[in-house]
């Protein structure tokens, strides 16, 4: 269980690094910079609608959103809603406040109107700070990878945080937590809900009806606990533990890069001289 929880955290870290890489790349887009300089929200929105499908296709990801901010930390353009803008994000977004102070890219699990992975990057034109962008990736990408290995995944957020995360108020709740993301159908979730309690999550492990459950704390950008990561799977998967460990590990090589090596006969004797 500790092994699978560790690999789950590695997958989350992989998604965070992916989000940061996309943010760094997109912050150099000349069409976006031009839209900022012209104060043209329509051009910025059109550019995002053009670039996002390319990124999704190339990186083979389904869940990706982009938000652009003004240099004074107001919502400028949202890829999912052109008409929603102007909010002062500095009042509740710690990441954007930190970016304003440091002008340095960052990535973290952060609470906004939703709890998800957010990568933030400043946008410069000739060394002048003109705004910033954020890449938003939900936990669904992690859930899909685990689900393919017969592992169920859930993010539980402390219910007290709904005051900020207003877009999550309609989500299912259990024992003072909100189920932000999950990878299985209703019947599956019901079996999970039946064993969930704060003491069990603090303990980190449970076993019930032929299934194993594991929990580990989830921390935000300020290293404050905001909830728990939960996983569970059938005990039959224990027989596949070695295969499970190998198949869950994030790719070590860059995406879409094939390593080519010269062909050689396996029986060829090779001598290596070490000086």
Protein backbone atom coordinates (compact mmCIF):
# COMPACT_ATOMS: atom_id res chain seq x y z
CA UNK A 1 0.00 0.00 0.00
CA UNK A 2 2.83 2.40 0.83
CA UNK A 3 4.37 1.58 -2.53
CA UNK A 4 1.18 2.38 -4.45
CA UNK A 5 0.61 5.57 -2.46
CA UNK A 6 4.17 6.62 -3.24
CA UNK A 7 3.69 5.95 -6.93
CA UNK A 8 0.43 7.90 -6.85
CA UNK A 9 2.33 10.88 -5.47
CA UNK A 10 4.93 10.44 -8.20
CA UNK A 11 2.18 10.61 -10.82
CA UNK A 12 0.89 13.82 -9.26
CA UNK A 13 4.43 15.23 -9.29
CA UNK A 14 4.71 14.25 -12.94
CA UNK A 15 1.52 16.18 -13.77
CA UNK A 16 2.83 19.19 -11.85
CA UNK A 17 6.06 19.22 -13.85
CA UNK A 18 4.10 18.80 -17.06
CA UNK A 19 1.90 21.79 -16.15
CA UNK A 20 4.96 23.90 -15.38
CA UNK A 21 6.59 22.98 -18.69
CA UNK A 22 3.46 24.01 -20.60
CA UNK A 23 3.30 27.31 -18.69
CA UNK A 24 6.93 28.11 -19.48
CA UNK A 25 6.41 27.34 -23.15
CA UNK A 26 3.14 29.25 -23.51
CA UNK A 27 4.52 32.33 -21.73
CA UNK A 28 6.85 32.80 -24.72
CA UNK A 29 4.03 32.80 -27.27
CA UNK A 30 4.37 35.97 -29.36
CA UNK A 31 0.65 36.17 -30.18
CA UNK A 32 -0.14 36.22 -26.46
CA UNK A 33 2.40 38.96 -25.82
CA UNK A 34 0.95 40.98 -28.70
CA UNK A 35 -2.55 40.59 -27.26
CA UNK A 36 -1.35 41.91 -23.92
CA UNK A 37 0.38 44.90 -25.48
CA UNK A 38 -2.71 45.74 -27.55
CA UNK A 39 -5.01 45.10 -24.56
CA UNK A 40 -6.98 42.82 -26.88
CA UNK A 41 -8.84 40.17 -24.88
CA UNK A 42 -10.39 38.71 -28.02
CA UNK A 43 -6.99 38.05 -29.57
CA UNK A 44 -5.79 36.45 -26.35
CA UNK A 45 -8.85 34.20 -26.16
CA UNK A 46 -8.54 33.21 -29.83
CA UNK A 47 -4.87 32.39 -29.34
CA UNK A 48 -5.66 30.14 -26.38
CA UNK A 49 -8.39 28.34 -28.34
CA UNK A 50 -5.85 27.71 -31.08
CA UNK A 51 -2.97 26.57 -28.87
CA UNK A 52 -4.74 24.41 -26.29
CA UNK A 53 -5.93 21.68 -28.73
CA UNK A 54 -2.38 21.39 -30.11
CA UNK A 55 -0.95 20.96 -26.62
CA UNK A 56 -3.58 18.39 -25.69
CA UNK A 57 -2.98 16.39 -28.84
CA UNK A 58 0.80 16.48 -28.61
CA UNK A 59 0.98 15.60 -24.91
CA UNK A 60 -2.03 13.25 -25.03
CA UNK A 61 -3.89 14.91 -22.17
CA UNK A 62 -7.60 15.62 -21.94
CA UNK A 63 -7.93 18.07 -19.06
CA UNK A 64 -6.19 21.39 -19.55
CA UNK A 65 -7.35 24.95 -19.00
CA UNK A 66 -5.52 28.27 -19.15
CA UNK A 67 -6.14 31.52 -17.31
CA UNK A 68 -4.41 34.80 -18.09
CA UNK A 69 -3.95 37.53 -15.46
CA UNK A 70 -3.25 41.23 -15.66
CA UNK A 71 -0.04 42.56 -14.14
CA UNK A 72 -2.05 43.65 -11.08
CA UNK A 73 -3.39 40.10 -10.47
CA UNK A 74 -6.87 40.38 -11.95
CA UNK A 75 -8.47 37.64 -14.05
CA UNK A 76 -8.01 38.72 -17.67
CA UNK A 77 -8.94 35.84 -19.98
CA UNK A 78 -10.19 32.37 -19.10
CA UNK A 79 -10.01 29.70 -21.79
CA UNK A 80 -13.31 28.17 -20.63
CA UNK A 81 -15.34 31.40 -20.39
CA UNK A 82 -14.54 34.57 -22.34
CA UNK A 83 -17.12 36.69 -20.50
CA UNK A 84 -15.90 35.89 -16.99
CA UNK A 85 -13.06 38.24 -16.05
CA UNK A 86 -12.04 41.09 -13.76
CA UNK A 87 -11.90 39.22 -10.41
CA UNK A 88 -9.15 40.35 -8.05
CA UNK A 89 -7.36 37.04 -7.59
CA UNK A 90 -4.83 38.33 -5.07
CA UNK A 91 -7.49 38.25 -2.35
CA UNK A 92 -7.66 34.43 -2.22
CA UNK A 93 -4.99 32.97 -4.53
CA UNK A 94 -1.71 32.50 -2.64
CA UNK A 95 0.13 31.36 -5.75
CA UNK A 96 -0.68 34.48 -7.73
CA UNK A 97 0.31 36.68 -4.79
CA UNK A 98 3.65 34.86 -4.61
CA UNK A 99 4.15 35.20 -8.36
CA UNK A 100 3.50 38.93 -8.13
CA UNK A 101 6.20 39.22 -5.49
CA UNK A 102 8.88 37.04 -7.05
CA UNK A 103 8.12 37.14 -10.80
CA UNK A 104 9.25 33.50 -10.77
CA UNK A 105 7.44 30.44 -12.23
CA UNK A 106 5.93 28.01 -9.72
CA UNK A 107 3.67 25.00 -9.55
CA UNK A 108 1.60 23.57 -6.71
CA UNK A 109 -1.68 22.04 -5.69
CA UNK A 110 -3.70 25.15 -5.00
CA UNK A 111 -7.21 26.02 -3.95
CA UNK A 112 -9.10 28.52 -6.06
CA UNK A 113 -12.70 28.08 -7.04
CA UNK A 114 -11.56 24.47 -7.51
CA UNK A 115 -8.78 22.39 -6.01
CA UNK A 116 -6.34 21.24 -8.69
CA UNK A 117 -2.81 21.50 -10.05
CA UNK A 118 -1.85 25.02 -11.04
CA UNK A 119 1.36 26.16 -12.72
CA UNK A 120 2.00 29.92 -12.83
CA UNK A 121 4.44 31.80 -15.03
CA UNK A 122 5.14 35.53 -15.54
CA UNK A 123 4.91 37.02 -19.03
CA UNK A 124 7.59 39.51 -20.02
CA UNK A 125 8.04 41.77 -23.01
CA UNK A 126 11.58 43.14 -23.30
CA UNK A 127 12.13 42.47 -19.60
CA UNK A 128 8.93 44.30 -18.65
CA UNK A 129 6.37 42.33 -16.62
CA UNK A 130 3.08 42.59 -18.53
CA UNK A 131 1.02 39.84 -16.92
CA UNK A 132 0.99 36.17 -16.05
CA UNK A 133 -0.64 32.90 -17.04
CA UNK A 134 -1.62 29.75 -15.28
CA UNK A 135 -2.01 26.21 -16.53
CA UNK A 136 -4.71 24.23 -14.75
CA UNK A 137 -4.69 20.43 -14.78
CA UNK A 138 -7.27 18.47 -12.82
CA UNK A 139 -6.57 15.28 -10.91
CA UNK A 140 -8.53 13.38 -13.56
CA UNK A 141 -5.31 12.73 -15.49
CA UNK A 142 -3.89 10.89 -12.48
CA UNK A 143 -7.22 9.11 -11.90
CA UNK A 144 -7.26 7.77 -15.47
CA UNK A 145 -3.72 6.39 -15.24
CA UNK A 146 -4.51 4.61 -11.99
CA UNK A 147 -7.88 3.36 -13.19
CA UNK A 148 -6.16 1.66 -16.12
CA UNK A 149 -4.29 -0.41 -13.51
CA UNK A 150 -7.47 -1.30 -11.57
CA UNK A 151 -6.65 1.20 -8.84
CA UNK A 152 -9.36 3.60 -7.69
CA UNK A 153 -8.31 7.12 -6.80
CA UNK A 154 -9.99 9.95 -4.92
CA UNK A 155 -9.14 13.41 -3.64
CA UNK A 156 -10.87 14.44 -0.41
CA UNK A 157 -10.83 18.13 0.43
CA UNK A 158 -11.62 19.57 3.85
CA UNK A 159 -15.22 20.80 3.73
CA UNK A 160 -14.24 24.05 5.51
CA UNK A 161 -12.47 25.14 2.31
CA UNK A 162 -15.73 25.34 0.36
CA UNK A 163 -15.92 28.99 1.41
CA UNK A 164 -13.23 29.60 -1.22
CA UNK A 165 -13.85 26.64 -3.52
CA UNK A 166 -17.37 27.68 -4.39
CA UNK A 167 -17.48 25.66 -7.64
CA UNK A 168 -17.28 22.45 -5.58
CA UNK A 169 -20.27 23.01 -3.32
CA UNK A 170 -22.45 20.56 -5.26
CA UNK A 171 -19.96 17.70 -5.04
CA UNK A 172 -20.54 14.66 -2.83
CA UNK A 173 -19.38 14.94 0.78
CA UNK A 174 -18.37 12.38 3.39
CA UNK A 175 -17.34 12.82 7.03
CA UNK A 176 -16.46 16.50 6.71
CA UNK A 177 -14.70 16.13 3.34
CA UNK A 178 -15.64 16.87 -0.26
CA UNK A 179 -14.93 14.28 -2.95
CA UNK A 180 -13.13 16.52 -5.46
CA UNK A 181 -12.07 13.80 -7.88
CA UNK A 182 -12.68 10.09 -8.20
CA UNK A 183 -12.08 7.46 -10.81
CA UNK A 184 -14.88 4.97 -10.33
CA UNK A 185 -18.68 4.75 -10.80
CA UNK A 186 -21.29 5.28 -8.11
CA UNK A 187 -21.33 1.71 -6.78
CA UNK A 188 -17.59 1.77 -6.38
CA UNK A 189 -17.64 5.11 -4.56
CA UNK A 190 -20.31 3.82 -2.21
CA UNK A 191 -17.99 1.06 -1.00
CA UNK A 192 -15.34 3.67 -0.38
CA UNK A 193 -17.72 6.00 1.46
CA UNK A 194 -18.81 3.14 3.73
CA UNK A 195 -15.36 2.90 5.33
CA UNK A 196 -14.19 6.53 5.23
CA UNK A 197 -13.76 8.38 8.50
CA UNK A 198 -11.20 10.85 9.81
CA UNK A 199 -9.61 8.29 12.20
CA UNK A 200 -9.13 5.77 9.38
CA UNK A 201 -7.62 8.39 7.10
CA UNK A 202 -5.27 9.47 9.86
CA UNK A 203 -4.32 5.84 10.38
CA UNK A 204 -3.58 5.59 6.65
CA UNK A 205 -4.81 2.08 5.97
CA UNK A 206 -7.97 -0.02 6.03
CA UNK A 207 -9.17 -3.40 4.80
CA UNK A 208 -12.79 -4.24 4.07
CA UNK A 209 -14.72 -6.75 1.94
CA UNK A 210 -11.72 -7.93 -0.05
CA UNK A 211 -10.41 -4.43 -0.77
CA UNK A 212 -7.43 -2.48 0.53
CA UNK A 213 -7.66 1.25 1.24
CA UNK A 214 -4.81 3.71 1.68
CA UNK A 215 -4.67 7.40 2.57
CA UNK A 216 -1.99 10.07 2.68
CA UNK A 217 -2.31 13.80 3.50
CA UNK A 218 -2.63 16.34 0.68
CA UNK A 219 -0.81 19.66 1.09
CA UNK A 220 -1.24 22.98 -0.72
CA UNK A 221 1.19 25.68 -1.84
CA UNK A 222 1.70 26.83 1.76
CA UNK A 223 2.42 23.27 2.95
CA UNK A 224 -0.92 23.33 4.74
CA UNK A 225 -2.97 20.14 4.78
CA UNK A 226 -6.13 20.58 2.72
CA UNK A 227 -7.33 16.99 2.64
CA UNK A 228 -6.31 13.46 1.74
CA UNK A 229 -5.34 11.38 -1.26
CA UNK A 230 -7.20 8.08 -1.16
CA UNK A 231 -6.67 4.89 -3.17
CA UNK A 232 -8.21 1.44 -3.01
CA UNK A 233 -8.07 -1.79 -4.97
CA UNK A 234 -8.97 -5.46 -4.75
CA UNK A 235 -6.67 -7.75 -2.78
CA UNK A 236 -6.12 -9.82 -5.94
CA UNK A 237 -3.81 -7.08 -7.21
CA UNK A 238 -1.31 -8.00 -4.51
CA UNK A 239 -0.25 -10.93 -6.68
CA UNK A 240 0.71 -8.44 -9.38
CA UNK A 241 2.66 -6.12 -7.07
CA UNK A 242 5.94 -6.15 -9.00
CA UNK A 243 4.22 -5.56 -12.32
CA UNK A 244 2.05 -2.91 -10.68
CA UNK A 245 5.05 -1.00 -9.38
CA UNK A 246 6.84 -1.03 -12.72
CA UNK A 247 3.80 -0.05 -14.77
CA UNK A 248 2.81 2.93 -12.61
CA UNK A 249 6.16 4.69 -12.65
CA UNK A 250 6.11 7.96 -14.65
CA UNK A 251 8.13 7.97 -17.84
CA UNK A 252 11.78 8.74 -17.24
CA UNK A 253 12.36 9.84 -20.85
CA UNK A 254 10.88 13.03 -22.35
CA UNK A 255 7.51 12.60 -24.05
CA UNK A 256 7.59 11.81 -27.78
CA UNK A 257 11.34 11.20 -27.79
CA UNK A 258 12.68 7.89 -29.02
CA UNK A 259 16.15 6.84 -27.99
CA UNK A 260 18.05 5.32 -30.92
CA UNK A 261 20.99 3.05 -30.34
CA UNK A 262 23.27 1.39 -32.91
CA UNK A 263 22.39 -2.23 -33.60
CA UNK A 264 24.88 -4.83 -32.52
CA UNK A 265 25.00 -8.58 -32.31
CA UNK A 266 24.23 -9.82 -28.83
CA UNK A 267 27.06 -12.33 -29.05
CA UNK A 268 29.71 -9.72 -29.94
CA UNK A 269 32.46 -9.50 -27.34
CA UNK A 270 33.15 -5.92 -26.27
CA UNK A 271 36.19 -4.70 -24.41
CA UNK A 272 36.05 -1.46 -22.40
CA UNK A 273 39.25 0.23 -21.29
CA UNK A 274 38.83 2.50 -18.25
CA UNK A 275 41.64 5.04 -17.91
